């Protein structure tokens, strides 16, 4: 039965083995399959499950962090609370998506917080000192203005995001996203979330079918349970900017076996 489970889940299944090589179970997305004929004193299943779960989350974090343009982690800072600033061409759906996502990020993060009482709108002008916020500006613009910004792009500071057809639809840097206005509703929602997560340091991809970071899932905004745990780990206070893959593995106490 365990072999059937492994075959059904494919790469999403993690085999659980003890030191002596005994195969005792399979950890699959949302389900744990264990043999029922083992002595818990001799085979401490809870410890084994914990170690395999930690390794799986760590590997997923590495997958969704490192992409084509970054060799080291680049996190938001802890110094000030972040405020989302929608400065042009927003709609009510945009507000709803961002408000819900801010609430989720605040729940997952132990090191960075977003202002969750409001999103700044075009009329907002910070006019007092000291400014209590670090602003993350989202500009949703027409095709002409977007092309102008794309042509003048600073390739060091600004990265591009493309839709499934290969069209560039967003420019993203650490403190701003410029998003094309004419996207279909589902893709617009997706890239609002994608751009924000990209700025927060998640530049990679996942092969997990239900992951937000799977490149085929460009019409969803929900994070999988594994996505959430990886974000919780990234912003849980144990990691910082400037780590490479080996640095993350060392910080998390991960092994180096495949």
C-alpha atoms as a PDB file:
ATOM      1  CA  UNK A   1       0.000   0.000   0.000  1.00  0.00           C
ATOM      2  CA  UNK A   2       2.837   2.417   0.808  1.00  0.00           C
ATOM      3  CA  UNK A   3       4.365   1.798  -2.603  1.00  0.00           C
ATOM      4  CA  UNK A   4       1.001   2.589  -4.227  1.00  0.00           C
ATOM      5  CA  UNK A   5       0.790   5.825  -2.239  1.00  0.00           C
ATOM      6  CA  UNK A   6       4.287   6.838  -3.378  1.00  0.00           C
ATOM      7  CA  UNK A   7       3.445   6.102  -6.992  1.00  0.00           C
ATOM      8  CA  UNK A   8       0.181   8.069  -6.810  1.00  0.00           C
ATOM      9  CA  UNK A   9       1.760  11.177  -5.295  1.00  0.00           C
ATOM     10  CA  UNK A  10       4.980  11.018  -7.298  1.00  0.00           C
ATOM     11  CA  UNK A  11       7.507  13.701  -6.354  1.00  0.00           C
ATOM     12  CA  UNK A  12       5.113  15.138  -3.751  1.00  0.00           C
ATOM     13  CA  UNK A  13       5.597  12.064  -1.530  1.00  0.00           C
ATOM     14  CA  UNK A  14       8.467  11.913   0.955  1.00  0.00           C
ATOM     15  CA  UNK A  15       9.473   8.394   2.054  1.00  0.00           C
ATOM     16  CA  UNK A  16      10.031   8.023   5.792  1.00  0.00           C
ATOM     17  CA  UNK A  17      12.861   5.728   6.834  1.00  0.00           C
ATOM     18  CA  UNK A  18      14.689   5.000  10.052  1.00  0.00           C
ATOM     19  CA  UNK A  19      18.438   4.740  10.356  1.00  0.00           C
ATOM     20  CA  UNK A  20      18.517   1.015   9.744  1.00  0.00           C
ATOM     21  CA  UNK A  21      16.867   1.576   6.368  1.00  0.00           C
ATOM     22  CA  UNK A  22      13.430   0.348   7.353  1.00  0.00           C
ATOM     23  CA  UNK A  23      10.712   1.959   5.249  1.00  0.00           C
ATOM     24  CA  UNK A  24       7.947   3.007   7.650  1.00  0.00           C
ATOM     25  CA  UNK A  25       5.686   5.468   5.851  1.00  0.00           C
ATOM     26  CA  UNK A  26       5.026   8.252   3.370  1.00  0.00           C
ATOM     27  CA  UNK A  27       4.534  11.972   4.018  1.00  0.00           C
ATOM     28  CA  UNK A  28       2.198  13.339   1.312  1.00  0.00           C
ATOM     29  CA  UNK A  29       0.548  16.775   0.980  1.00  0.00           C
ATOM     30  CA  UNK A  30      -1.923  16.971   3.860  1.00  0.00           C
ATOM     31  CA  UNK A  31      -1.713  13.239   4.680  1.00  0.00           C
ATOM     32  CA  UNK A  32       0.671  11.049   6.642  1.00  0.00           C
ATOM     33  CA  UNK A  33       0.674   7.301   5.863  1.00  0.00           C
ATOM     34  CA  UNK A  34       2.359   5.051   8.461  1.00  0.00           C
ATOM     35  CA  UNK A  35       2.765   1.343   8.965  1.00  0.00           C
ATOM     36  CA  UNK A  36       0.638   0.163  11.856  1.00  0.00           C
ATOM     37  CA  UNK A  37       2.794  -2.738  12.977  1.00  0.00           C
ATOM     38  CA  UNK A  38       5.756  -0.862  14.459  1.00  0.00           C
ATOM     39  CA  UNK A  39       6.727  -0.451  18.095  1.00  0.00           C
ATOM     40  CA  UNK A  40       6.751   3.270  19.014  1.00  0.00           C
ATOM     41  CA  UNK A  41       9.485   2.762  21.604  1.00  0.00           C
ATOM     42  CA  UNK A  42      11.784   1.185  19.035  1.00  0.00           C
ATOM     43  CA  UNK A  43      10.786   3.457  16.125  1.00  0.00           C
ATOM     44  CA  UNK A  44      10.038   7.028  17.388  1.00  0.00           C
ATOM     45  CA  UNK A  45       7.633   8.022  14.618  1.00  0.00           C
ATOM     46  CA  UNK A  46       6.826  11.507  15.950  1.00  0.00           C
ATOM     47  CA  UNK A  47      10.488  12.564  15.807  1.00  0.00           C
ATOM     48  CA  UNK A  48      10.890  11.096  12.318  1.00  0.00           C
ATOM     49  CA  UNK A  49       7.798  12.879  11.030  1.00  0.00           C
ATOM     50  CA  UNK A  50       8.969  16.185  12.527  1.00  0.00           C
ATOM     51  CA  UNK A  51      12.400  15.952  10.900  1.00  0.00           C
ATOM     52  CA  UNK A  52      10.958  15.058   7.494  1.00  0.00           C
ATOM     53  CA  UNK A  53       8.395  17.868   7.666  1.00  0.00           C
ATOM     54  CA  UNK A  54      11.118  20.396   8.555  1.00  0.00           C
ATOM     55  CA  UNK A  55      13.244  19.209   5.646  1.00  0.00           C
ATOM     56  CA  UNK A  56      10.313  19.429   3.225  1.00  0.00           C
ATOM     57  CA  UNK A  57       9.456  22.999   4.249  1.00  0.00           C
ATOM     58  CA  UNK A  58      13.112  24.021   4.031  1.00  0.00           C
ATOM     59  CA  UNK A  59      13.479  22.589   0.530  1.00  0.00           C
ATOM     60  CA  UNK A  60      10.306  24.354  -0.575  1.00  0.00           C
ATOM     61  CA  UNK A  61      11.597  27.620   0.859  1.00  0.00           C
ATOM     62  CA  UNK A  62      14.794  27.268  -1.157  1.00  0.00           C
ATOM     63  CA  UNK A  63      12.809  26.486  -4.318  1.00  0.00           C
ATOM     64  CA  UNK A  64      10.563  29.547  -4.058  1.00  0.00           C
ATOM     65  CA  UNK A  65      13.317  31.911  -2.899  1.00  0.00           C
ATOM     66  CA  UNK A  66      16.098  31.475  -5.444  1.00  0.00           C
ATOM     67  CA  UNK A  67      15.310  32.328  -9.056  1.00  0.00           C
ATOM     68  CA  UNK A  68      16.912  33.541 -12.244  1.00  0.00           C
ATOM     69  CA  UNK A  69      18.073  36.844 -10.766  1.00  0.00           C
ATOM     70  CA  UNK A  70      19.138  36.250  -7.184  1.00  0.00           C
ATOM     71  CA  UNK A  71      21.805  34.167  -5.504  1.00  0.00           C
ATOM     72  CA  UNK A  72      21.139  35.458  -1.967  1.00  0.00           C
ATOM     73  CA  UNK A  73      18.127  36.136   0.197  1.00  0.00           C
ATOM     74  CA  UNK A  74      16.701  39.669   0.144  1.00  0.00           C
ATOM     75  CA  UNK A  75      14.102  40.245   2.872  1.00  0.00           C
ATOM     76  CA  UNK A  76      12.047  43.237   3.876  1.00  0.00           C
ATOM     77  CA  UNK A  77      13.592  45.062   6.818  1.00  0.00           C
ATOM     78  CA  UNK A  78      12.248  45.048  10.358  1.00  0.00           C
ATOM     79  CA  UNK A  79      12.747  48.749  11.066  1.00  0.00           C
ATOM     80  CA  UNK A  80       9.338  50.248  10.187  1.00  0.00           C
ATOM     81  CA  UNK A  81       5.817  49.072   9.525  1.00  0.00           C
ATOM     82  CA  UNK A  82       5.036  48.742   5.824  1.00  0.00           C
ATOM     83  CA  UNK A  83       2.156  50.595   4.212  1.00  0.00           C
ATOM     84  CA  UNK A  84       0.706  49.588   0.847  1.00  0.00           C
ATOM     85  CA  UNK A  85       0.129  52.666  -1.315  1.00  0.00           C
ATOM     86  CA  UNK A  86      -2.115  52.298  -4.367  1.00  0.00           C
ATOM     87  CA  UNK A  87      -1.362  55.496  -6.225  1.00  0.00           C
ATOM     88  CA  UNK A  88      -3.374  55.131  -9.488  1.00  0.00           C
ATOM     89  CA  UNK A  89      -6.088  53.130 -11.293  1.00  0.00           C
ATOM     90  CA  UNK A  90      -7.121  50.749  -8.529  1.00  0.00           C
ATOM     91  CA  UNK A  91     -10.531  49.117  -8.090  1.00  0.00           C
ATOM     92  CA  UNK A  92     -12.421  47.548  -5.205  1.00  0.00           C
ATOM     93  CA  UNK A  93     -11.272  44.036  -6.092  1.00  0.00           C
ATOM     94  CA  UNK A  94      -7.661  45.212  -5.828  1.00  0.00           C
ATOM     95  CA  UNK A  95      -8.367  46.558  -2.351  1.00  0.00           C
ATOM     96  CA  UNK A  96     -10.037  43.321  -1.263  1.00  0.00           C
ATOM     97  CA  UNK A  97      -7.187  41.140  -2.539  1.00  0.00           C
ATOM     98  CA  UNK A  98      -4.530  43.278  -0.871  1.00  0.00           C
ATOM     99  CA  UNK A  99      -6.384  43.619   2.431  1.00  0.00           C
ATOM    100  CA  UNK A 100      -6.842  39.854   2.675  1.00  0.00           C
ATOM    101  CA  UNK A 101      -3.238  39.211   1.769  1.00  0.00           C
ATOM    102  CA  UNK A 102      -1.907  41.750   4.266  1.00  0.00           C
ATOM    103  CA  UNK A 103      -3.880  40.006   6.993  1.00  0.00           C
ATOM    104  CA  UNK A 104      -2.345  36.668   6.000  1.00  0.00           C
ATOM    105  CA  UNK A 105       1.207  38.029   5.824  1.00  0.00           C
ATOM    106  CA  UNK A 106       0.885  39.611   9.254  1.00  0.00           C
ATOM    107  CA  UNK A 107      -0.242  36.259  10.614  1.00  0.00           C
ATOM    108  CA  UNK A 108       2.703  34.434   9.051  1.00  0.00           C
ATOM    109  CA  UNK A 109       5.471  36.956   9.783  1.00  0.00           C
ATOM    110  CA  UNK A 110       7.198  37.444  13.099  1.00  0.00           C
ATOM    111  CA  UNK A 111       9.659  40.047  11.833  1.00  0.00           C
ATOM    112  CA  UNK A 112       7.848  42.342   9.375  1.00  0.00           C
ATOM    113  CA  UNK A 113       4.444  43.959   9.775  1.00  0.00           C
ATOM    114  CA  UNK A 114       2.068  45.669   7.370  1.00  0.00           C
ATOM    115  CA  UNK A 115      -0.396  48.392   8.314  1.00  0.00           C
ATOM    116  CA  UNK A 116      -3.665  46.455   8.331  1.00  0.00           C
ATOM    117  CA  UNK A 117      -6.091  49.242   9.165  1.00  0.00           C
ATOM    118  CA  UNK A 118      -5.783  50.995   5.809  1.00  0.00           C
ATOM    119  CA  UNK A 119      -4.278  50.973   2.356  1.00  0.00           C
ATOM    120  CA  UNK A 120      -3.125  54.392   1.182  1.00  0.00           C
ATOM    121  CA  UNK A 121      -4.962  55.649  -1.915  1.00  0.00           C
ATOM    122  CA  UNK A 122      -3.969  58.229  -4.593  1.00  0.00           C
ATOM    123  CA  UNK A 123      -4.899  61.208  -2.423  1.00  0.00           C
ATOM    124  CA  UNK A 124      -2.500  60.099   0.333  1.00  0.00           C
ATOM    125  CA  UNK A 125       0.465  62.385   0.950  1.00  0.00           C
ATOM    126  CA  UNK A 126       2.787  61.738   3.894  1.00  0.00           C
ATOM    127  CA  UNK A 127       3.205  65.217   5.367  1.00  0.00           C
ATOM    128  CA  UNK A 128       4.549  64.701   8.858  1.00  0.00           C
ATOM    129  CA  UNK A 129       7.882  63.768  10.399  1.00  0.00           C
ATOM    130  CA  UNK A 130       8.951  61.245  11.421  1.00  0.00           C
ATOM    131  CA  UNK A 131       7.150  59.099   8.848  1.00  0.00           C
ATOM    132  CA  UNK A 132       6.030  55.926  10.646  1.00  0.00           C
ATOM    133  CA  UNK A 133       5.826  53.841   7.466  1.00  0.00           C
ATOM    134  CA  UNK A 134       7.989  52.202   4.859  1.00  0.00           C
ATOM    135  CA  UNK A 135       5.904  52.594   1.723  1.00  0.00           C
ATOM    136  CA  UNK A 136       5.334  49.883  -0.847  1.00  0.00           C
ATOM    137  CA  UNK A 137       3.808  51.642  -3.850  1.00  0.00           C
ATOM    138  CA  UNK A 138       1.613  49.847  -6.387  1.00  0.00           C
ATOM    139  CA  UNK A 139       0.988  51.692  -9.648  1.00  0.00           C
ATOM    140  CA  UNK A 140      -1.582  50.137 -11.984  1.00  0.00           C
ATOM    141  CA  UNK A 141      -1.103  51.841 -15.331  1.00  0.00           C
ATOM    142  CA  UNK A 142      -2.138  51.860 -18.965  1.00  0.00           C
ATOM    143  CA  UNK A 143      -0.177  50.240 -21.781  1.00  0.00           C
ATOM    144  CA  UNK A 144       1.486  53.438 -23.024  1.00  0.00           C
ATOM    145  CA  UNK A 145       2.844  54.480 -19.643  1.00  0.00           C
ATOM    146  CA  UNK A 146       3.869  50.891 -18.881  1.00  0.00           C
ATOM    147  CA  UNK A 147       5.851  50.652 -22.125  1.00  0.00           C
ATOM    148  CA  UNK A 148       7.594  53.921 -21.322  1.00  0.00           C
ATOM    149  CA  UNK A 149       8.617  52.610 -17.901  1.00  0.00           C
ATOM    150  CA  UNK A 150       9.685  49.289 -19.416  1.00  0.00           C
ATOM    151  CA  UNK A 151      11.894  51.007 -21.974  1.00  0.00           C
ATOM    152  CA  UNK A 152      13.603  53.013 -19.229  1.00  0.00           C
ATOM    153  CA  UNK A 153      13.889  50.077 -16.839  1.00  0.00           C
ATOM    154  CA  UNK A 154      16.841  49.880 -14.490  1.00  0.00           C
ATOM    155  CA  UNK A 155      17.739  46.208 -14.959  1.00  0.00           C
ATOM    156  CA  UNK A 156      19.630  46.127 -11.662  1.00  0.00           C
ATOM    157  CA  UNK A 157      16.818  47.449  -9.472  1.00  0.00           C
ATOM    158  CA  UNK A 158      13.739  46.434 -11.471  1.00  0.00           C
ATOM    159  CA  UNK A 159      12.779  42.900 -12.451  1.00  0.00           C
ATOM    160  CA  UNK A 160      10.071  41.928 -14.933  1.00  0.00           C
ATOM    161  CA  UNK A 161       7.196  39.517 -14.420  1.00  0.00           C
ATOM    162  CA  UNK A 162       5.620  37.793 -17.414  1.00  0.00           C
ATOM    163  CA  UNK A 163       2.272  36.106 -18.002  1.00  0.00           C
ATOM    164  CA  UNK A 164       1.938  32.570 -19.380  1.00  0.00           C
ATOM    165  CA  UNK A 165       2.189  33.876 -22.957  1.00  0.00           C
ATOM    166  CA  UNK A 166       5.520  35.537 -22.234  1.00  0.00           C
ATOM    167  CA  UNK A 167       4.206  39.098 -22.215  1.00  0.00           C
ATOM    168  CA  UNK A 168       5.775  41.422 -19.649  1.00  0.00           C
ATOM    169  CA  UNK A 169       2.980  42.560 -17.323  1.00  0.00           C
ATOM    170  CA  UNK A 170       4.758  43.952 -14.269  1.00  0.00           C
ATOM    171  CA  UNK A 171       7.911  45.747 -13.182  1.00  0.00           C
ATOM    172  CA  UNK A 172       8.940  44.982  -9.624  1.00  0.00           C
ATOM    173  CA  UNK A 173      11.566  46.439  -7.327  1.00  0.00           C
ATOM    174  CA  UNK A 174      12.066  46.364  -3.584  1.00  0.00           C
ATOM    175  CA  UNK A 175       9.629  49.182  -2.805  1.00  0.00           C
ATOM    176  CA  UNK A 176       7.313  49.332  -5.823  1.00  0.00           C
ATOM    177  CA  UNK A 177       5.311  47.365  -8.360  1.00  0.00           C
ATOM    178  CA  UNK A 178       4.110  48.777 -11.691  1.00  0.00           C
ATOM    179  CA  UNK A 179       1.326  46.583 -13.041  1.00  0.00           C
ATOM    180  CA  UNK A 180      -0.330  46.621 -16.455  1.00  0.00           C
ATOM    181  CA  UNK A 181      -3.975  47.664 -16.179  1.00  0.00           C
ATOM    182  CA  UNK A 182      -5.516  45.552 -18.950  1.00  0.00           C
ATOM    183  CA  UNK A 183      -4.961  42.105 -17.395  1.00  0.00           C
ATOM    184  CA  UNK A 184      -7.907  39.699 -17.047  1.00  0.00           C
ATOM    185  CA  UNK A 185      -9.439  39.781 -13.572  1.00  0.00           C
ATOM    186  CA  UNK A 186      -7.873  36.545 -12.287  1.00  0.00           C
ATOM    187  CA  UNK A 187      -4.414  37.372 -13.622  1.00  0.00           C
ATOM    188  CA  UNK A 188      -4.573  40.878 -12.184  1.00  0.00           C
ATOM    189  CA  UNK A 189      -5.326  39.446  -8.742  1.00  0.00           C
ATOM    190  CA  UNK A 190      -2.520  36.917  -9.140  1.00  0.00           C
ATOM    191  CA  UNK A 191       0.119  39.452 -10.136  1.00  0.00           C
ATOM    192  CA  UNK A 192      -0.809  41.803  -7.297  1.00  0.00           C
ATOM    193  CA  UNK A 193       0.123  39.011  -4.906  1.00  0.00           C
ATOM    194  CA  UNK A 194       3.010  37.717  -7.021  1.00  0.00           C
ATOM    195  CA  UNK A 195       4.651  41.139  -7.260  1.00  0.00           C
ATOM    196  CA  UNK A 196       4.433  41.758  -3.531  1.00  0.00           C
ATOM    197  CA  UNK A 197       5.894  38.343  -2.711  1.00  0.00           C
ATOM    198  CA  UNK A 198       8.617  38.872  -5.312  1.00  0.00           C
ATOM    199  CA  UNK A 199       9.616  42.114  -3.621  1.00  0.00           C
ATOM    200  CA  UNK A 200       9.679  40.280  -0.298  1.00  0.00           C
ATOM    201  CA  UNK A 201      12.327  37.911  -1.639  1.00  0.00           C
ATOM    202  CA  UNK A 202      10.417  35.029  -3.216  1.00  0.00           C
ATOM    203  CA  UNK A 203      11.865  34.867  -6.735  1.00  0.00           C
ATOM    204  CA  UNK A 204      11.687  31.130  -7.365  1.00  0.00           C
ATOM    205  CA  UNK A 205       9.228  28.498  -8.534  1.00  0.00           C
ATOM    206  CA  UNK A 206       7.735  25.253  -7.277  1.00  0.00           C
ATOM    207  CA  UNK A 207       6.721  22.065  -9.040  1.00  0.00           C
ATOM    208  CA  UNK A 208       4.070  21.379  -6.405  1.00  0.00           C
ATOM    209  CA  UNK A 209       0.699  21.369  -8.212  1.00  0.00           C
ATOM    210  CA  UNK A 210      -1.157  23.357  -5.538  1.00  0.00           C
ATOM    211  CA  UNK A 211       1.606  25.881  -4.815  1.00  0.00           C
ATOM    212  CA  UNK A 212       1.048  29.543  -5.622  1.00  0.00           C
ATOM    213  CA  UNK A 213       4.621  29.495  -6.939  1.00  0.00           C
ATOM    214  CA  UNK A 214       3.938  26.823  -9.545  1.00  0.00           C
ATOM    215  CA  UNK A 215       4.375  28.749 -12.844  1.00  0.00           C
ATOM    216  CA  UNK A 216       1.196  27.170 -14.216  1.00  0.00           C
ATOM    217  CA  UNK A 217      -1.009  28.618 -11.469  1.00  0.00           C
ATOM    218  CA  UNK A 218      -1.310  32.182 -12.766  1.00  0.00           C
ATOM    219  CA  UNK A 219      -5.003  32.503 -11.928  1.00  0.00           C
ATOM    220  CA  UNK A 220      -4.909  31.656  -8.226  1.00  0.00           C
ATOM    221  CA  UNK A 221      -4.087  33.809  -5.235  1.00  0.00           C
ATOM    222  CA  UNK A 222      -4.334  31.183  -2.502  1.00  0.00           C
ATOM    223  CA  UNK A 223      -1.162  29.895  -0.884  1.00  0.00           C
ATOM    224  CA  UNK A 224      -0.797  26.190  -0.237  1.00  0.00           C
ATOM    225  CA  UNK A 225      -0.091  25.012   3.297  1.00  0.00           C
ATOM    226  CA  UNK A 226       3.527  24.409   2.276  1.00  0.00           C
ATOM    227  CA  UNK A 227       3.768  27.951   0.848  1.00  0.00           C
ATOM    228  CA  UNK A 228       2.505  29.396   4.117  1.00  0.00           C
ATOM    229  CA  UNK A 229       4.956  27.413   6.209  1.00  0.00           C
ATOM    230  CA  UNK A 230       7.847  28.482   3.965  1.00  0.00           C
ATOM    231  CA  UNK A 231       6.889  32.156   4.297  1.00  0.00           C
ATOM    232  CA  UNK A 232       6.497  31.710   8.044  1.00  0.00           C
ATOM    233  CA  UNK A 233      10.003  30.240   8.112  1.00  0.00           C
ATOM    234  CA  UNK A 234      11.518  33.025   5.966  1.00  0.00           C
ATOM    235  CA  UNK A 235      10.050  35.781   8.144  1.00  0.00           C
ATOM    236  CA  UNK A 236      10.188  33.946  11.440  1.00  0.00           C
ATOM    237  CA  UNK A 237      13.311  35.745  12.642  1.00  0.00           C
ATOM    238  CA  UNK A 238      15.870  32.987  12.011  1.00  0.00           C
ATOM    239  CA  UNK A 239      16.890  34.120   8.517  1.00  0.00           C
ATOM    240  CA  UNK A 240      18.251  37.395   7.206  1.00  0.00           C
ATOM    241  CA  UNK A 241      19.231  38.993   3.914  1.00  0.00           C
ATOM    242  CA  UNK A 242      22.458  37.910   2.246  1.00  0.00           C
ATOM    243  CA  UNK A 243      22.207  34.142   2.735  1.00  0.00           C
ATOM    244  CA  UNK A 244      22.927  31.768  -0.135  1.00  0.00           C
ATOM    245  CA  UNK A 245      21.473  28.253  -0.367  1.00  0.00           C
ATOM    246  CA  UNK A 246      24.137  26.762   1.894  1.00  0.00           C
ATOM    247  CA  UNK A 247      23.584  29.600   4.349  1.00  0.00           C
ATOM    248  CA  UNK A 248      19.876  28.802   4.574  1.00  0.00           C
ATOM    249  CA  UNK A 249      20.588  25.105   5.023  1.00  0.00           C
ATOM    250  CA  UNK A 250      23.019  25.854   7.827  1.00  0.00           C
ATOM    251  CA  UNK A 251      20.671  28.325   9.533  1.00  0.00           C
ATOM    252  CA  UNK A 252      17.819  25.815   9.443  1.00  0.00           C
ATOM    253  CA  UNK A 253      19.910  22.787  10.377  1.00  0.00           C
ATOM    254  CA  UNK A 254      19.068  21.025   7.130  1.00  0.00           C
ATOM    255  CA  UNK A 255      20.996  18.059   5.769  1.00  0.00           C
ATOM    256  CA  UNK A 256      22.663  17.974   2.370  1.00  0.00           C
ATOM    257  CA  UNK A 257      21.287  14.691   1.095  1.00  0.00           C
ATOM    258  CA  UNK A 258      18.852  14.593  -1.832  1.00  0.00           C
END
